[in-house]
N, C-alpha and C. Protein backbone atom coordinates (compact mmCIF):
# COMPACT_ATOMS: atom_id res chain seq x y z
N MET A 1 -28.02 -0.15 8.67
CA MET A 1 -26.82 -0.63 8.04
C MET A 1 -26.73 -2.14 8.24
N ASN A 2 -26.34 -2.83 7.19
CA ASN A 2 -26.14 -4.27 7.27
C ASN A 2 -24.67 -4.52 7.61
N GLN A 3 -24.42 -4.99 8.81
CA GLN A 3 -23.06 -5.17 9.31
C GLN A 3 -22.26 -6.16 8.45
N ASP A 4 -22.89 -7.23 8.01
CA ASP A 4 -22.21 -8.23 7.19
C ASP A 4 -21.78 -7.64 5.84
N THR A 5 -22.67 -6.90 5.20
CA THR A 5 -22.35 -6.26 3.93
C THR A 5 -21.23 -5.26 4.11
N PHE A 6 -21.31 -4.48 5.17
CA PHE A 6 -20.30 -3.47 5.49
C PHE A 6 -18.92 -4.11 5.67
N ASN A 7 -18.85 -5.15 6.51
CA ASN A 7 -17.58 -5.82 6.77
C ASN A 7 -17.01 -6.48 5.52
N LEU A 8 -17.85 -7.12 4.72
CA LEU A 8 -17.40 -7.76 3.49
C LEU A 8 -16.87 -6.72 2.51
N SER A 9 -17.54 -5.59 2.42
CA SER A 9 -17.12 -4.51 1.53
C SER A 9 -15.75 -3.96 1.94
N ILE A 10 -15.54 -3.78 3.23
CA ILE A 10 -14.24 -3.31 3.74
C ILE A 10 -13.16 -4.32 3.39
N ARG A 11 -13.42 -5.59 3.64
CA ARG A 11 -12.42 -6.64 3.35
C ARG A 11 -12.06 -6.67 1.87
N LYS A 12 -13.06 -6.57 1.00
CA LYS A 12 -12.80 -6.57 -0.45
C LYS A 12 -11.94 -5.38 -0.85
N PHE A 13 -12.26 -4.22 -0.30
CA PHE A 13 -11.48 -3.01 -0.61
C PHE A 13 -10.04 -3.17 -0.15
N LEU A 14 -9.84 -3.62 1.09
CA LEU A 14 -8.49 -3.76 1.63
C LEU A 14 -7.70 -4.83 0.88
N LYS A 15 -8.35 -5.90 0.45
CA LYS A 15 -7.66 -6.92 -0.34
C LYS A 15 -7.20 -6.33 -1.67
N MET A 16 -8.07 -5.57 -2.34
CA MET A 16 -7.73 -4.94 -3.61
C MET A 16 -6.54 -3.99 -3.42
N VAL A 17 -6.58 -3.19 -2.37
CA VAL A 17 -5.49 -2.25 -2.09
C VAL A 17 -4.20 -3.00 -1.80
N GLY A 18 -4.28 -4.03 -0.99
CA GLY A 18 -3.09 -4.79 -0.62
C GLY A 18 -2.44 -5.47 -1.80
N VAL A 19 -3.22 -6.17 -2.61
CA VAL A 19 -2.69 -6.88 -3.77
C VAL A 19 -2.15 -5.90 -4.80
N GLY A 20 -2.92 -4.87 -5.09
CA GLY A 20 -2.49 -3.87 -6.08
C GLY A 20 -1.25 -3.11 -5.64
N SER A 21 -1.20 -2.74 -4.37
CA SER A 21 -0.06 -2.01 -3.84
C SER A 21 1.20 -2.86 -3.88
N GLN A 22 1.09 -4.12 -3.49
CA GLN A 22 2.26 -5.00 -3.50
C GLN A 22 2.81 -5.14 -4.91
N ARG A 23 1.93 -5.34 -5.87
CA ARG A 23 2.36 -5.48 -7.27
C ARG A 23 3.08 -4.22 -7.75
N GLU A 24 2.54 -3.06 -7.45
CA GLU A 24 3.15 -1.80 -7.89
C GLU A 24 4.51 -1.57 -7.22
N ILE A 25 4.59 -1.88 -5.94
CA ILE A 25 5.87 -1.72 -5.23
C ILE A 25 6.92 -2.66 -5.81
N GLU A 26 6.54 -3.91 -6.05
CA GLU A 26 7.48 -4.88 -6.63
C GLU A 26 7.99 -4.40 -7.99
N HIS A 27 7.10 -3.92 -8.83
CA HIS A 27 7.51 -3.43 -10.16
C HIS A 27 8.44 -2.23 -10.04
N ALA A 28 8.11 -1.31 -9.13
CA ALA A 28 8.94 -0.11 -8.97
C ALA A 28 10.33 -0.46 -8.44
N VAL A 29 10.41 -1.39 -7.50
CA VAL A 29 11.71 -1.79 -6.96
C VAL A 29 12.52 -2.51 -8.02
N GLU A 30 11.89 -3.40 -8.78
CA GLU A 30 12.59 -4.11 -9.85
C GLU A 30 13.15 -3.13 -10.87
N ALA A 31 12.36 -2.13 -11.24
CA ALA A 31 12.81 -1.12 -12.21
C ALA A 31 13.96 -0.30 -11.65
N ALA A 32 13.87 0.08 -10.38
CA ALA A 32 14.93 0.87 -9.76
C ALA A 32 16.22 0.07 -9.66
N LEU A 33 16.12 -1.23 -9.37
CA LEU A 33 17.30 -2.09 -9.34
C LEU A 33 17.92 -2.21 -10.74
N ARG A 34 17.07 -2.43 -11.72
CA ARG A 34 17.52 -2.56 -13.11
C ARG A 34 18.21 -1.29 -13.60
N ASP A 35 17.68 -0.14 -13.19
CA ASP A 35 18.23 1.16 -13.63
C ASP A 35 19.41 1.61 -12.78
N GLY A 36 19.71 0.88 -11.72
CA GLY A 36 20.82 1.25 -10.86
C GLY A 36 20.51 2.36 -9.89
N ALA A 37 19.23 2.70 -9.74
CA ALA A 37 18.84 3.78 -8.84
C ALA A 37 18.95 3.36 -7.37
N ILE A 38 18.85 2.07 -7.11
CA ILE A 38 19.03 1.52 -5.77
C ILE A 38 19.92 0.29 -5.87
N SER A 39 20.55 -0.09 -4.77
CA SER A 39 21.48 -1.22 -4.79
C SER A 39 20.82 -2.54 -4.36
N GLY A 40 19.71 -2.44 -3.64
CA GLY A 40 19.03 -3.63 -3.16
C GLY A 40 19.25 -3.91 -1.69
N THR A 41 19.94 -3.01 -1.01
CA THR A 41 20.17 -3.18 0.43
C THR A 41 19.47 -2.09 1.25
N GLU A 42 18.70 -1.26 0.58
CA GLU A 42 18.09 -0.09 1.22
C GLU A 42 16.92 -0.48 2.13
N SER A 43 16.59 0.48 2.97
CA SER A 43 15.34 0.51 3.69
C SER A 43 14.57 1.68 3.08
N LEU A 44 13.45 1.39 2.45
CA LEU A 44 12.71 2.42 1.71
C LEU A 44 11.56 2.97 2.56
N PRO A 45 11.63 4.23 2.96
CA PRO A 45 10.51 4.83 3.69
C PRO A 45 9.26 4.82 2.80
N CYS A 46 8.12 4.56 3.39
CA CYS A 46 6.89 4.57 2.60
C CYS A 46 5.75 5.18 3.41
N ARG A 47 4.73 5.59 2.68
CA ARG A 47 3.57 6.23 3.30
C ARG A 47 2.33 5.85 2.51
N MET A 48 1.26 5.55 3.23
CA MET A 48 -0.02 5.23 2.61
C MET A 48 -1.06 6.16 3.23
N THR A 49 -1.84 6.81 2.40
CA THR A 49 -2.91 7.68 2.88
C THR A 49 -4.25 7.04 2.55
N LEU A 50 -5.11 6.91 3.55
CA LEU A 50 -6.45 6.36 3.37
C LEU A 50 -7.45 7.49 3.56
N GLU A 51 -8.31 7.65 2.57
CA GLU A 51 -9.37 8.65 2.67
C GLU A 51 -10.70 7.97 2.38
N VAL A 52 -11.69 8.28 3.20
CA VAL A 52 -13.04 7.78 2.98
C VAL A 52 -13.97 8.99 2.93
N ASP A 53 -14.41 9.28 1.72
CA ASP A 53 -15.33 10.40 1.54
C ASP A 53 -16.65 10.09 2.25
N GLY A 54 -17.30 11.10 2.71
CA GLY A 54 -18.60 10.95 3.34
C GLY A 54 -18.53 10.83 4.85
N VAL A 55 -17.38 10.37 5.37
CA VAL A 55 -17.23 10.27 6.83
C VAL A 55 -16.03 11.07 7.31
N LYS A 56 -15.46 11.84 6.42
CA LYS A 56 -14.35 12.74 6.74
C LYS A 56 -13.18 12.01 7.39
N LEU A 57 -12.82 10.85 6.82
CA LEU A 57 -11.68 10.10 7.32
C LEU A 57 -10.49 10.32 6.40
N LYS A 58 -9.40 10.73 6.98
CA LYS A 58 -8.12 10.83 6.27
C LYS A 58 -7.04 10.49 7.28
N ILE A 59 -6.35 9.38 7.01
CA ILE A 59 -5.32 8.92 7.94
C ILE A 59 -4.10 8.49 7.15
N VAL A 60 -2.93 8.77 7.71
CA VAL A 60 -1.67 8.44 7.04
C VAL A 60 -0.97 7.35 7.83
N PHE A 61 -0.50 6.33 7.13
CA PHE A 61 0.27 5.26 7.72
C PHE A 61 1.69 5.36 7.20
N ASP A 62 2.68 5.45 8.08
CA ASP A 62 4.08 5.52 7.72
C ASP A 62 4.75 4.21 8.08
N GLY A 63 5.73 3.83 7.26
CA GLY A 63 6.49 2.62 7.54
C GLY A 63 7.73 2.57 6.69
N SER A 64 8.28 1.38 6.54
CA SER A 64 9.44 1.20 5.67
C SER A 64 9.39 -0.18 5.06
N ILE A 65 10.01 -0.30 3.90
CA ILE A 65 10.12 -1.56 3.19
C ILE A 65 11.60 -1.91 3.17
N GLU A 66 11.94 -3.06 3.77
CA GLU A 66 13.32 -3.49 3.87
C GLU A 66 13.66 -4.37 2.67
N LEU A 67 14.76 -4.08 2.01
CA LEU A 67 15.16 -4.87 0.86
C LEU A 67 16.16 -5.96 1.23
N GLU A 68 16.76 -5.86 2.40
CA GLU A 68 17.71 -6.87 2.83
C GLU A 68 17.65 -7.04 4.33
């Protein structure tokens, strides 16, 4: 295994996930505010599941997104 290739590949994947996830969350919150589904002062529980096929990795990360 080439450690440099491995590390770079992980970083690229995590950057893609981070940027894409942030964009989707922002759009969803904006839509919910516009529709009146949320007021903008909530703490939104969230969960991210990471799965890596081939190495039997499945892990869940729980957290919250604060709007105020």
